[in-house]
Structures are given as structure tokens and as C-alpha cells.
Amino acid sequence: MTPWYFRLFYIPILNFVISFALFGIIRAKRMTSGGPSKPFMIAYMLMLIGFCTLMWFIPFKINLAFWIGISIIVFGHVVSTLGHSAMREHLEKKKAVVDWGIYKISRHSHVLARIITDLGAIIMGWNLESTIYPILWVYFALYIIIIHLGVLSEEKINIEKFGQEYKDYMKRVPRYFLIRGK
């Protein structure tokens, strides 16, 4: 039997803790407004718990997939850090919509960072012989859909809050890096 510390279940939890710590350390004051609805947050937390539960059954070995996964996770945390940094209060930037830093190339870098870090965790446990591993990929796809629905909700809120300025921003900047959306 594989020891608990060679199972992937704690990697998404660790990613969540690191992201929360970055938020606090960087003091991203602009990220404290409304955000997604309570039902969405409940769905997201249930998906995260389900994701961690599935990952309990996926052991990892220290091999090439492990190092590739770690590299992807680190990249995801860099994206997250850049997003939190852009959300700090910048006295010289009086605009309501943050369109500098990483937000010049992705409207939802925080969501992109979450997806990247979770993808890295899945790759760490690359195991095509496992019956649970393909189920984990399907679950990950559903997880992305739930997160995307939250993003669409957040964009509606931002349009109501910032009006034309946010609509113009949506025209200039892709939703998820290279993936354009409305």
C-alpha cells in the first residue's frame, strides 16, 4: 500500500493554502469585493473536496511526470502571484478596472492559475494503469466547467459594477490568456 505522503490528495489543498497565503501576504485589496455567489462557492468547495477525494487514490512516484507536474504547479503559483500583485492598491493607477500587469493578457488570471496548479497535480500522478486516473481527468473537465460558469457570473457582476469600462476591457483582453471570450 502506498503511504499517504505519496498520494496526491493533499496537493490541491496545499495549492489552495498557498494561494490564500499569497492573497494575504500581497494584500490584494481589490480582490475583496463581492465575488461569486454563495451557491457557486458551495459548488466549488464540493468540487474541490471531490477532487481531493479522487486524488487520494492516485499515488505518485518521483519520476519525470512528478517533476513536470511540480514545474506546472510552480508556474501556476507565479501566475497567481502576478494576479495578486496587480490587484494591490496602486495610488498612481486610479482606474476602476485593473488592466495592467498580468490582467493585460488574461481577464481571469486567478482562475487560470487555479486550473494550472490543479493540472500540475494531476500530471504529478501520471498513471495510465489506474482505473481512477481517467475518472480524475473527467472530473477535472467538469471542475473546469464549474469554474468557467463562475467566471461568467463574475463577468456579469463586473459589467454591472464597472459598466462600459469593463465592456471595453473585455474587448481588449482575452478571458483566459489566448482563449478569447465575449
Protein backbone atom coordinates (compact mmCIF):
# COMPACT_ATOMS: atom_id res chain seq x y z
CA MET A 1 0.00 0.00 0.00
CA THR A 2 1.21 3.49 -0.87
CA PRO A 3 1.91 5.77 2.13
CA TRP A 4 -0.32 8.87 2.45
CA TYR A 5 2.51 11.27 1.63
CA PHE A 6 2.86 9.66 -1.81
CA ARG A 7 -0.79 10.29 -2.65
CA LEU A 8 -1.98 13.39 -4.48
CA PHE A 9 -4.93 14.35 -2.24
CA TYR A 10 -3.01 16.98 -0.30
CA ILE A 11 -1.54 18.78 -3.35
CA PRO A 12 -4.77 20.72 -4.24
CA ILE A 13 -5.21 21.56 -0.54
CA LEU A 14 -1.62 22.81 -0.42
CA ASN A 15 -2.22 24.84 -3.60
CA PHE A 16 -5.34 26.39 -2.03
CA VAL A 17 -3.40 27.28 1.15
CA ILE A 18 -0.52 28.80 -0.86
CA SER A 19 -2.96 30.88 -2.92
CA PHE A 20 -4.75 32.09 0.22
CA ALA A 21 -1.39 32.94 1.83
CA LEU A 22 -0.28 34.88 -1.26
CA PHE A 23 -3.54 36.83 -1.14
CA GLY A 24 -2.83 37.79 2.48
CA ILE A 25 0.88 38.50 2.05
CA ILE A 26 0.49 40.60 -1.07
CA ARG A 27 -2.62 42.30 0.33
CA ALA A 28 -4.60 42.29 -2.88
CA LYS A 29 -7.21 44.77 -1.62
CA ARG A 30 -9.05 44.98 -4.93
CA MET A 31 -9.92 41.26 -4.70
CA THR A 32 -12.16 41.70 -1.67
CA SER A 33 -15.34 42.75 -3.47
CA GLY A 34 -18.45 40.59 -3.88
CA GLY A 35 -17.12 37.76 -5.98
CA PRO A 36 -19.04 34.65 -6.95
CA SER A 37 -22.39 33.81 -5.38
CA LYS A 38 -22.79 31.60 -2.32
CA PRO A 39 -24.26 28.66 -4.33
CA PHE A 40 -21.29 28.83 -6.70
CA MET A 41 -18.84 28.85 -3.79
CA ILE A 42 -20.59 25.83 -2.25
CA ALA A 43 -20.42 24.00 -5.60
CA TYR A 44 -16.76 24.96 -5.96
CA MET A 45 -15.90 23.71 -2.46
CA LEU A 46 -17.78 20.44 -3.07
CA MET A 47 -15.88 20.01 -6.35
CA LEU A 48 -12.59 20.66 -4.52
CA ILE A 49 -13.47 18.07 -1.86
CA GLY A 50 -14.43 15.58 -4.58
CA PHE A 51 -11.19 16.34 -6.43
CA CYS A 52 -9.13 15.71 -3.30
CA THR A 53 -11.09 12.52 -2.58
CA LEU A 54 -10.37 11.15 -6.05
CA MET A 55 -6.74 12.15 -5.69
CA TRP A 56 -6.46 10.06 -2.52
CA PHE A 57 -6.50 7.04 -4.82
CA ILE A 58 -3.76 8.37 -7.10
CA PRO A 59 -0.24 7.67 -5.83
CA PHE A 60 2.74 9.41 -7.32
CA LYS A 61 6.36 8.46 -7.79
CA ILE A 62 9.31 10.76 -8.07
CA ASN A 63 9.85 10.44 -11.80
CA LEU A 64 9.67 12.65 -14.89
CA ALA A 65 5.89 13.18 -14.56
CA PHE A 66 6.42 14.29 -10.94
CA TRP A 67 8.95 16.96 -11.96
CA ILE A 68 6.84 18.14 -14.90
CA GLY A 69 3.84 18.40 -12.56
CA ILE A 70 5.85 20.35 -9.97
CA SER A 71 7.06 22.72 -12.71
CA ILE A 72 3.49 23.32 -13.87
CA ILE A 73 2.37 23.95 -10.27
CA VAL A 74 5.19 26.47 -9.73
CA PHE A 75 4.20 28.22 -12.97
CA GLY A 76 0.58 28.34 -11.74
CA HIS A 77 1.70 29.98 -8.49
CA VAL A 78 3.75 32.53 -10.45
CA VAL A 79 0.59 33.40 -12.43
CA SER A 80 -1.34 33.63 -9.15
CA THR A 81 1.32 35.89 -7.61
CA LEU A 82 1.27 38.19 -10.64
CA GLY A 83 -2.54 38.39 -10.39
CA HIS A 84 -2.48 39.19 -6.68
CA SER A 85 0.26 41.80 -7.24
CA ALA A 86 -1.77 43.55 -9.92
CA MET A 87 -4.75 43.69 -7.54
CA ARG A 88 -2.84 45.67 -4.95
CA GLU A 89 -3.74 49.29 -4.41
CA HIS A 90 -1.69 51.37 -6.84
CA LEU A 91 -2.01 55.02 -5.97
CA GLU A 92 -0.76 56.06 -9.40
CA LYS A 93 -3.44 53.96 -11.10
CA LYS A 94 -6.86 55.39 -10.37
CA LYS A 95 -8.80 53.23 -12.84
CA ALA A 96 -11.62 51.06 -11.51
CA VAL A 97 -10.84 48.13 -13.83
CA VAL A 98 -7.43 46.53 -13.34
CA ASP A 99 -5.96 46.30 -16.84
CA TRP A 100 -2.24 46.25 -16.03
CA GLY A 101 0.22 43.54 -15.17
CA ILE A 102 -1.00 40.05 -15.99
CA TYR A 103 -4.50 41.46 -16.46
CA LYS A 104 -3.28 42.89 -19.78
CA ILE A 105 -3.14 39.34 -21.15
CA SER A 106 -5.82 37.50 -19.15
CA ARG A 107 -9.02 38.83 -17.56
CA HIS A 108 -9.14 35.92 -15.12
CA SER A 109 -5.56 35.08 -14.24
CA HIS A 110 -6.60 33.88 -10.77
CA VAL A 111 -8.87 31.24 -12.36
CA LEU A 112 -6.20 30.33 -14.87
CA ALA A 113 -3.70 29.89 -12.03
CA ARG A 114 -6.10 27.54 -10.19
CA ILE A 115 -6.56 25.41 -13.31
CA ILE A 116 -2.80 25.33 -13.99
CA THR A 117 -1.92 24.24 -10.44
CA ASP A 118 -4.59 21.52 -10.44
CA LEU A 119 -3.39 20.33 -13.85
CA GLY A 120 0.14 20.10 -12.44
CA ALA A 121 -1.15 17.98 -9.56
CA ILE A 122 -2.86 15.57 -11.94
CA ILE A 123 0.26 15.27 -14.09
CA MET A 124 2.34 14.55 -10.97
CA GLY A 125 0.39 11.32 -10.59
CA TRP A 126 0.53 10.22 -14.23
CA ASN A 127 -0.70 6.63 -14.06
CA LEU A 128 -2.43 5.16 -17.09
CA GLU A 129 -2.76 1.76 -15.41
CA SER A 130 -5.01 3.14 -12.67
CA THR A 131 -8.77 2.87 -13.21
CA ILE A 132 -9.29 6.05 -11.16
CA TYR A 133 -6.82 8.18 -13.18
CA PRO A 134 -9.08 8.54 -16.29
CA ILE A 135 -12.00 9.33 -13.95
CA LEU A 136 -9.84 12.08 -12.43
CA TRP A 137 -9.40 13.64 -15.89
CA VAL A 138 -13.17 13.59 -16.49
CA TYR A 139 -13.73 15.13 -13.07
CA PHE A 140 -11.11 17.79 -13.87
CA ALA A 141 -13.01 18.67 -17.07
CA LEU A 142 -16.23 19.05 -15.05
CA TYR A 143 -14.32 21.12 -12.50
CA ILE A 144 -13.19 23.47 -15.28
CA ILE A 145 -16.79 23.82 -16.49
CA ILE A 146 -17.99 24.75 -12.96
CA ILE A 147 -15.17 27.29 -12.62
CA HIS A 148 -16.00 28.72 -16.05
CA LEU A 149 -19.64 29.17 -15.04
CA GLY A 150 -18.39 31.11 -12.00
CA VAL A 151 -16.29 33.30 -14.30
CA LEU A 152 -19.31 34.07 -16.48
CA SER A 153 -21.23 35.05 -13.34
CA GLU A 154 -18.34 37.22 -12.17
CA GLU A 155 -18.20 38.96 -15.55
CA LYS A 156 -21.90 39.86 -15.32
CA ILE A 157 -21.25 41.34 -11.87
CA ASN A 158 -18.27 43.29 -13.22
CA ILE A 159 -20.32 44.67 -16.12
CA GLU A 160 -22.95 45.88 -13.64
CA LYS A 161 -20.29 47.32 -11.35
CA PHE A 162 -17.94 48.94 -13.90
CA GLY A 163 -20.19 49.40 -16.96
CA GLN A 164 -18.68 50.39 -20.28
CA GLU A 165 -15.13 50.43 -18.90
CA TYR A 166 -15.36 46.68 -18.24
CA LYS A 167 -17.04 46.01 -21.61
CA ASP A 168 -14.16 47.78 -23.36
CA TYR A 169 -11.70 45.76 -21.27
CA MET A 170 -13.48 42.55 -22.34
CA LYS A 171 -12.97 43.52 -25.99
CA ARG A 172 -9.22 44.14 -25.50
CA VAL A 173 -8.19 41.24 -23.26
CA PRO A 174 -8.87 37.50 -23.64
CA ARG A 175 -10.75 35.74 -20.86
CA TYR A 176 -8.09 33.06 -20.31
CA PHE A 177 -4.80 34.14 -21.84
CA LEU A 178 -5.11 33.06 -25.50
CA ILE A 179 -8.74 31.95 -25.28
CA ARG A 180 -10.99 34.79 -26.32
CA GLY A 181 -14.43 35.13 -24.85
CA LYS A 182 -17.07 37.75 -25.49
